[in-house]
């Protein structure tokens, strides 16, 4: 089946059920720690992609070997 069709069937009730299951599995104290880790990972990814862009610009300008 098409992924877009499946995504159309997820409503607010299903999202609430999924959130309840996540809280039961990980506990209320563990979820902020998980989100903190996700945030750090996203920041590192952005830094890595930005760093590559800066290196390419410096190469184009002849400032980097």
C-alpha atoms as a PDB file:
ATOM      1  CA  UNK A   1       0.000   0.000   0.000  1.00  0.00           C
ATOM      2  CA  UNK A   2       1.057   3.556  -0.559  1.00  0.00           C
ATOM      3  CA  UNK A   3       2.647   5.291   2.444  1.00  0.00           C
ATOM      4  CA  UNK A   4       0.624   8.448   1.890  1.00  0.00           C
ATOM      5  CA  UNK A   5      -2.609   6.478   2.087  1.00  0.00           C
ATOM      6  CA  UNK A   6      -1.548   4.936   5.398  1.00  0.00           C
ATOM      7  CA  UNK A   7      -0.579   8.321   6.830  1.00  0.00           C
ATOM      8  CA  UNK A   8      -4.062   9.650   6.079  1.00  0.00           C
ATOM      9  CA  UNK A   9      -5.608   7.174   8.502  1.00  0.00           C
ATOM     10  CA  UNK A  10      -3.720   8.464  11.545  1.00  0.00           C
ATOM     11  CA  UNK A  11      -6.015  10.703  13.527  1.00  0.00           C
ATOM     12  CA  UNK A  12      -5.889  12.416  16.895  1.00  0.00           C
ATOM     13  CA  UNK A  13      -7.130   9.327  18.738  1.00  0.00           C
ATOM     14  CA  UNK A  14      -4.356   7.172  17.306  1.00  0.00           C
ATOM     15  CA  UNK A  15      -1.734   9.786  18.188  1.00  0.00           C
ATOM     16  CA  UNK A  16      -2.982   9.880  21.796  1.00  0.00           C
ATOM     17  CA  UNK A  17      -2.825   6.078  22.003  1.00  0.00           C
ATOM     18  CA  UNK A  18       0.738   6.090  20.645  1.00  0.00           C
ATOM     19  CA  UNK A  19       1.784   8.761  23.172  1.00  0.00           C
ATOM     20  CA  UNK A  20       0.274   6.745  26.044  1.00  0.00           C
ATOM     21  CA  UNK A  21       2.183   3.653  24.922  1.00  0.00           C
ATOM     22  CA  UNK A  22       5.438   5.635  24.719  1.00  0.00           C
ATOM     23  CA  UNK A  23       4.925   6.990  28.249  1.00  0.00           C
ATOM     24  CA  UNK A  24       4.205   3.488  29.550  1.00  0.00           C
ATOM     25  CA  UNK A  25       7.281   2.033  27.865  1.00  0.00           C
ATOM     26  CA  UNK A  26       9.817   4.711  28.752  1.00  0.00           C
ATOM     27  CA  UNK A  27       8.313   6.411  31.799  1.00  0.00           C
ATOM     28  CA  UNK A  28       7.705  10.100  32.375  1.00  0.00           C
ATOM     29  CA  UNK A  29      11.255  10.804  33.527  1.00  0.00           C
ATOM     30  CA  UNK A  30      13.023   9.149  30.611  1.00  0.00           C
ATOM     31  CA  UNK A  31      11.193  10.991  27.786  1.00  0.00           C
ATOM     32  CA  UNK A  32      12.873  14.412  28.378  1.00  0.00           C
ATOM     33  CA  UNK A  33      16.251  12.689  28.341  1.00  0.00           C
ATOM     34  CA  UNK A  34      15.397  11.020  25.031  1.00  0.00           C
ATOM     35  CA  UNK A  35      14.265  14.327  23.501  1.00  0.00           C
ATOM     36  CA  UNK A  36      17.449  16.015  24.756  1.00  0.00           C
ATOM     37  CA  UNK A  37      19.482  13.368  22.953  1.00  0.00           C
ATOM     38  CA  UNK A  38      17.464  13.860  19.765  1.00  0.00           C
ATOM     39  CA  UNK A  39      18.039  17.625  19.975  1.00  0.00           C
ATOM     40  CA  UNK A  40      21.790  17.178  20.384  1.00  0.00           C
ATOM     41  CA  UNK A  41      21.873  14.827  17.419  1.00  0.00           C
ATOM     42  CA  UNK A  42      20.012  17.332  15.255  1.00  0.00           C
ATOM     43  CA  UNK A  43      22.389  20.135  16.280  1.00  0.00           C
ATOM     44  CA  UNK A  44      25.429  18.012  15.455  1.00  0.00           C
ATOM     45  CA  UNK A  45      23.952  17.108  12.083  1.00  0.00           C
ATOM     46  CA  UNK A  46      23.310  20.773  11.268  1.00  0.00           C
ATOM     47  CA  UNK A  47      26.859  21.684  12.288  1.00  0.00           C
ATOM     48  CA  UNK A  48      28.274  18.903  10.130  1.00  0.00           C
ATOM     49  CA  UNK A  49      26.299  19.920   7.061  1.00  0.00           C
ATOM     50  CA  UNK A  50      27.105  23.593   7.614  1.00  0.00           C
ATOM     51  CA  UNK A  51      30.799  22.797   8.027  1.00  0.00           C
ATOM     52  CA  UNK A  52      30.925  20.996   4.687  1.00  0.00           C
ATOM     53  CA  UNK A  53      29.282  23.958   2.973  1.00  0.00           C
ATOM     54  CA  UNK A  54      31.845  26.344   4.483  1.00  0.00           C
ATOM     55  CA  UNK A  55      34.727  24.124   3.323  1.00  0.00           C
ATOM     56  CA  UNK A  56      33.377  24.107  -0.236  1.00  0.00           C
ATOM     57  CA  UNK A  57      33.038  27.905  -0.221  1.00  0.00           C
ATOM     58  CA  UNK A  58      36.617  28.303   1.019  1.00  0.00           C
ATOM     59  CA  UNK A  59      37.862  25.930  -1.670  1.00  0.00           C
ATOM     60  CA  UNK A  60      35.997  27.945  -4.311  1.00  0.00           C
ATOM     61  CA  UNK A  61      37.578  31.151  -3.016  1.00  0.00           C
ATOM     62  CA  UNK A  62      41.037  29.589  -3.000  1.00  0.00           C
ATOM     63  CA  UNK A  63      41.567  30.058   0.742  1.00  0.00           C
ATOM     64  CA  UNK A  64      41.694  26.342   1.525  1.00  0.00           C
ATOM     65  CA  UNK A  65      44.003  23.827  -0.095  1.00  0.00           C
END
